Amino acid sequence: LILPERHPPHTDLLNLQPLPVAALSDAYLQTLYPFTHFNPIQTQIFHTMYHTDVNALLGAPTGSGKTVAAELAMFRVFREHPGKKVVYIAPLKALVRERINDWRKRLKGRLGKNIVELTGDFSPDVRSIAAADVIVTTPEKWDG
């Protein structure tokens, strides 16, 4: 596979100063994180995820902060597109459950966002889905 030079296959991780969580410029969002600075990957993609509507694909190892990166994009949706839904697709039901447990505490508890699980184990009614701010699902359930 030969890709055009103007579309490189990846972006190197730059040696940037860690971005403080205060860059969110929102006291409520800042309280969601127990750390003071974003990690290198989150620092590098912060502007794209939090300040633009540009599509992004983030491929990084387990434990590298991809979920926080997704949350940055979610916060943009909440702020710039109120009333729109976020769909978060996790590869396994166990990971859906992990996100549901965490986001119900943090996003629902602190931000008042409605979180709905849509998996083979849970099929919410139409009203629940309509009222949801975030739908957490698996590829199989979302495609079906």
C-alpha atoms as a PDB file:
ATOM      1  CA  LEU A   1       0.000   0.000   0.000  1.00  0.00           C
ATOM      2  CA  ILE A   2       1.453   3.337  -1.032  1.00  0.00           C
ATOM      3  CA  LEU A   3      -0.118   6.402   0.505  1.00  0.00           C
ATOM      4  CA  PRO A   4       0.172   9.875  -0.968  1.00  0.00           C
ATOM      5  CA  GLU A   5       2.843  11.980   0.723  1.00  0.00           C
ATOM      6  CA  ARG A   6       0.300  14.591   1.769  1.00  0.00           C
ATOM      7  CA  HIS A   7      -1.501  11.947   3.873  1.00  0.00           C
ATOM      8  CA  PRO A   8       1.174  10.365   6.057  1.00  0.00           C
ATOM      9  CA  PRO A   9       0.206   7.171   7.897  1.00  0.00           C
ATOM     10  CA  HIS A  10       0.837   8.661  11.333  1.00  0.00           C
ATOM     11  CA  THR A  11       1.900  11.743  13.210  1.00  0.00           C
ATOM     12  CA  ASP A  12       4.992  11.554  15.362  1.00  0.00           C
ATOM     13  CA  LEU A  13       4.532  12.358  19.023  1.00  0.00           C
ATOM     14  CA  LEU A  14       6.004  15.804  19.551  1.00  0.00           C
ATOM     15  CA  ASN A  15       8.040  16.839  22.569  1.00  0.00           C
ATOM     16  CA  LEU A  16       5.522  19.384  23.909  1.00  0.00           C
ATOM     17  CA  GLN A  17       5.168  20.912  27.346  1.00  0.00           C
ATOM     18  CA  PRO A  18       2.315  19.102  29.149  1.00  0.00           C
ATOM     19  CA  LEU A  19      -0.877  21.090  28.830  1.00  0.00           C
ATOM     20  CA  PRO A  20      -2.561  21.930  32.147  1.00  0.00           C
ATOM     21  CA  VAL A  21      -6.134  20.767  32.689  1.00  0.00           C
ATOM     22  CA  ALA A  22      -6.922  24.471  33.152  1.00  0.00           C
ATOM     23  CA  ALA A  23      -6.740  24.689  29.323  1.00  0.00           C
ATOM     24  CA  LEU A  24     -10.329  23.407  29.403  1.00  0.00           C
ATOM     25  CA  SER A  25     -11.299  26.899  30.650  1.00  0.00           C
ATOM     26  CA  ASP A  26     -14.225  25.355  32.493  1.00  0.00           C
ATOM     27  CA  ALA A  27     -14.107  24.799  36.233  1.00  0.00           C
ATOM     28  CA  TYR A  28     -16.695  21.985  36.132  1.00  0.00           C
ATOM     29  CA  LEU A  29     -14.775  20.039  33.492  1.00  0.00           C
ATOM     30  CA  GLN A  30     -11.501  20.539  35.319  1.00  0.00           C
ATOM     31  CA  THR A  31     -12.939  18.842  38.422  1.00  0.00           C
ATOM     32  CA  LEU A  32     -13.543  15.664  36.409  1.00  0.00           C
ATOM     33  CA  TYR A  33      -9.829  14.896  36.362  1.00  0.00           C
ATOM     34  CA  PRO A  34      -7.634  13.912  39.318  1.00  0.00           C
ATOM     35  CA  PHE A  35      -4.499  15.051  37.453  1.00  0.00           C
ATOM     36  CA  THR A  36      -3.190  18.561  36.798  1.00  0.00           C
ATOM     37  CA  HIS A  37      -1.790  18.110  33.272  1.00  0.00           C
ATOM     38  CA  PHE A  38      -2.743  16.128  30.193  1.00  0.00           C
ATOM     39  CA  ASN A  39      -0.313  13.456  29.047  1.00  0.00           C
ATOM     40  CA  PRO A  40       1.774  13.870  25.844  1.00  0.00           C
ATOM     41  CA  ILE A  41      -0.809  12.315  23.492  1.00  0.00           C
ATOM     42  CA  GLN A  42      -3.670  14.307  25.005  1.00  0.00           C
ATOM     43  CA  THR A  43      -1.575  17.485  24.912  1.00  0.00           C
ATOM     44  CA  GLN A  44      -0.798  17.018  21.228  1.00  0.00           C
ATOM     45  CA  ILE A  45      -4.400  16.408  20.154  1.00  0.00           C
ATOM     46  CA  PHE A  46      -6.096  18.780  22.613  1.00  0.00           C
ATOM     47  CA  HIS A  47      -6.724  21.614  20.160  1.00  0.00           C
ATOM     48  CA  THR A  48      -8.167  19.337  17.462  1.00  0.00           C
ATOM     49  CA  MET A  49     -10.442  17.441  19.842  1.00  0.00           C
ATOM     50  CA  TYR A  50     -11.603  20.334  22.034  1.00  0.00           C
ATOM     51  CA  HIS A  51     -11.680  23.283  19.637  1.00  0.00           C
ATOM     52  CA  THR A  52     -12.575  21.873  16.204  1.00  0.00           C
ATOM     53  CA  ASP A  53     -15.124  19.620  14.555  1.00  0.00           C
ATOM     54  CA  VAL A  54     -12.435  17.891  12.484  1.00  0.00           C
ATOM     55  CA  ASN A  55     -12.588  14.099  12.320  1.00  0.00           C
ATOM     56  CA  ALA A  56      -9.682  12.355  14.010  1.00  0.00           C
ATOM     57  CA  LEU A  57      -8.467   8.788  14.325  1.00  0.00           C
ATOM     58  CA  LEU A  58      -6.357   8.109  17.394  1.00  0.00           C
ATOM     59  CA  GLY A  59      -4.480   4.847  17.482  1.00  0.00           C
ATOM     60  CA  ALA A  60      -2.419   4.418  20.628  1.00  0.00           C
ATOM     61  CA  PRO A  61      -1.535   1.678  23.116  1.00  0.00           C
ATOM     62  CA  THR A  62      -3.794   0.590  25.964  1.00  0.00           C
ATOM     63  CA  GLY A  63      -3.539   2.965  28.892  1.00  0.00           C
ATOM     64  CA  SER A  64      -2.270   5.885  26.812  1.00  0.00           C
ATOM     65  CA  GLY A  65      -5.238   8.180  27.435  1.00  0.00           C
ATOM     66  CA  LYS A  66      -7.516   7.607  24.455  1.00  0.00           C
ATOM     67  CA  THR A  67     -10.658   7.808  26.604  1.00  0.00           C
ATOM     68  CA  VAL A  68      -9.716  11.263  27.879  1.00  0.00           C
ATOM     69  CA  ALA A  69      -9.136  12.272  24.255  1.00  0.00           C
ATOM     70  CA  ALA A  70     -12.656  11.064  23.425  1.00  0.00           C
ATOM     71  CA  GLU A  71     -13.992  13.017  26.395  1.00  0.00           C
ATOM     72  CA  LEU A  72     -12.408  16.192  24.999  1.00  0.00           C
ATOM     73  CA  ALA A  73     -14.411  15.694  21.803  1.00  0.00           C
ATOM     74  CA  MET A  74     -17.535  14.960  23.855  1.00  0.00           C
ATOM     75  CA  PHE A  75     -17.124  18.209  25.769  1.00  0.00           C
ATOM     76  CA  ARG A  76     -16.962  20.053  22.450  1.00  0.00           C
ATOM     77  CA  VAL A  77     -20.255  18.480  21.398  1.00  0.00           C
ATOM     78  CA  PHE A  78     -21.872  19.396  24.718  1.00  0.00           C
ATOM     79  CA  ARG A  79     -20.631  22.991  24.410  1.00  0.00           C
ATOM     80  CA  GLU A  80     -20.991  23.729  20.690  1.00  0.00           C
ATOM     81  CA  HIS A  81     -23.842  21.425  19.673  1.00  0.00           C
ATOM     82  CA  PRO A  82     -26.273  21.290  22.607  1.00  0.00           C
ATOM     83  CA  GLY A  83     -29.017  18.741  22.173  1.00  0.00           C
ATOM     84  CA  LYS A  84     -26.887  16.527  19.915  1.00  0.00           C
ATOM     85  CA  LYS A  85     -25.956  13.024  20.994  1.00  0.00           C
ATOM     86  CA  VAL A  86     -22.551  11.475  21.459  1.00  0.00           C
ATOM     87  CA  VAL A  87     -22.200   7.817  20.454  1.00  0.00           C
ATOM     88  CA  TYR A  88     -19.247   6.053  22.046  1.00  0.00           C
ATOM     89  CA  ILE A  89     -18.547   2.617  20.568  1.00  0.00           C
ATOM     90  CA  ALA A  90     -16.445   0.226  22.652  1.00  0.00           C
ATOM     91  CA  PRO A  91     -15.247  -3.108  21.248  1.00  0.00           C
ATOM     92  CA  LEU A  92     -16.484  -5.241  24.159  1.00  0.00           C
ATOM     93  CA  LYS A  93     -19.494  -5.226  26.492  1.00  0.00           C
ATOM     94  CA  ALA A  94     -17.104  -5.216  29.453  1.00  0.00           C
ATOM     95  CA  LEU A  95     -15.581  -1.959  28.214  1.00  0.00           C
ATOM     96  CA  VAL A  96     -19.053  -0.502  27.653  1.00  0.00           C
ATOM     97  CA  ARG A  97     -19.896  -1.375  31.267  1.00  0.00           C
ATOM     98  CA  GLU A  98     -16.651   0.263  32.455  1.00  0.00           C
ATOM     99  CA  ARG A  99     -17.496   3.498  30.594  1.00  0.00           C
ATOM    100  CA  ILE A 100     -21.093   3.434  31.849  1.00  0.00           C
ATOM    101  CA  ASN A 101     -19.983   3.078  35.477  1.00  0.00           C
ATOM    102  CA  ASP A 102     -17.385   5.838  35.188  1.00  0.00           C
ATOM    103  CA  TRP A 103     -19.451   8.296  33.141  1.00  0.00           C
ATOM    104  CA  ARG A 104     -22.573   7.889  35.257  1.00  0.00           C
ATOM    105  CA  LYS A 105     -20.505   9.065  38.221  1.00  0.00           C
ATOM    106  CA  ARG A 106     -18.565  11.790  36.446  1.00  0.00           C
ATOM    107  CA  LEU A 107     -20.681  13.020  33.518  1.00  0.00           C
ATOM    108  CA  LYS A 108     -24.141  12.414  34.963  1.00  0.00           C
ATOM    109  CA  GLY A 109     -23.260  13.127  38.564  1.00  0.00           C
ATOM    110  CA  ARG A 110     -21.239  16.284  37.941  1.00  0.00           C
ATOM    111  CA  LEU A 111     -22.465  17.564  34.567  1.00  0.00           C
ATOM    112  CA  GLY A 112     -26.029  16.236  34.538  1.00  0.00           C
ATOM    113  CA  LYS A 113     -25.575  14.322  31.269  1.00  0.00           C
ATOM    114  CA  ASN A 114     -27.803  11.300  30.607  1.00  0.00           C
ATOM    115  CA  ILE A 115     -25.791   8.184  29.799  1.00  0.00           C
ATOM    116  CA  VAL A 116     -27.473   5.162  28.165  1.00  0.00           C
ATOM    117  CA  GLU A 117     -26.085   1.683  27.585  1.00  0.00           C
ATOM    118  CA  LEU A 118     -27.034  -0.044  24.344  1.00  0.00           C
ATOM    119  CA  THR A 119     -25.688  -3.625  24.269  1.00  0.00           C
ATOM    120  CA  GLY A 120     -27.036  -7.137  23.947  1.00  0.00           C
ATOM    121  CA  ASP A 121     -27.600  -7.063  27.710  1.00  0.00           C
ATOM    122  CA  PHE A 122     -29.385  -3.698  27.781  1.00  0.00           C
ATOM    123  CA  SER A 123     -31.870  -2.396  25.233  1.00  0.00           C
ATOM    124  CA  PRO A 124     -33.286   0.905  26.469  1.00  0.00           C
ATOM    125  CA  ASP A 125     -36.666   2.114  25.267  1.00  0.00           C
ATOM    126  CA  VAL A 126     -37.015   4.834  22.653  1.00  0.00           C
ATOM    127  CA  ARG A 127     -37.648   7.526  25.282  1.00  0.00           C
ATOM    128  CA  SER A 128     -34.416   6.693  27.115  1.00  0.00           C
ATOM    129  CA  ILE A 129     -32.442   6.891  23.897  1.00  0.00           C
ATOM    130  CA  ALA A 130     -34.160  10.143  22.924  1.00  0.00           C
ATOM    131  CA  ALA A 131     -33.302  11.651  26.328  1.00  0.00           C
ATOM    132  CA  ALA A 132     -29.695  10.446  26.257  1.00  0.00           C
ATOM    133  CA  ASP A 133     -26.764  12.791  25.847  1.00  0.00           C
ATOM    134  CA  VAL A 134     -24.324   9.886  25.483  1.00  0.00           C
ATOM    135  CA  ILE A 135     -25.044   6.417  24.082  1.00  0.00           C
ATOM    136  CA  VAL A 136     -22.393   3.822  24.916  1.00  0.00           C
ATOM    137  CA  THR A 137     -22.640   0.757  22.716  1.00  0.00           C
ATOM    138  CA  THR A 138     -20.835  -2.078  20.932  1.00  0.00           C
ATOM    139  CA  PRO A 139     -20.244  -2.276  17.169  1.00  0.00           C
ATOM    140  CA  GLU A 140     -22.627  -5.231  16.839  1.00  0.00           C
ATOM    141  CA  LYS A 141     -25.496  -3.454  18.566  1.00  0.00           C
ATOM    142  CA  TRP A 142     -24.918  -0.143  16.770  1.00  0.00           C
ATOM    143  CA  ASP A 143     -24.783  -1.842  13.341  1.00  0.00           C
ATOM    144  CA  GLY A 144     -27.818  -3.997  14.117  1.00  0.00           C
END
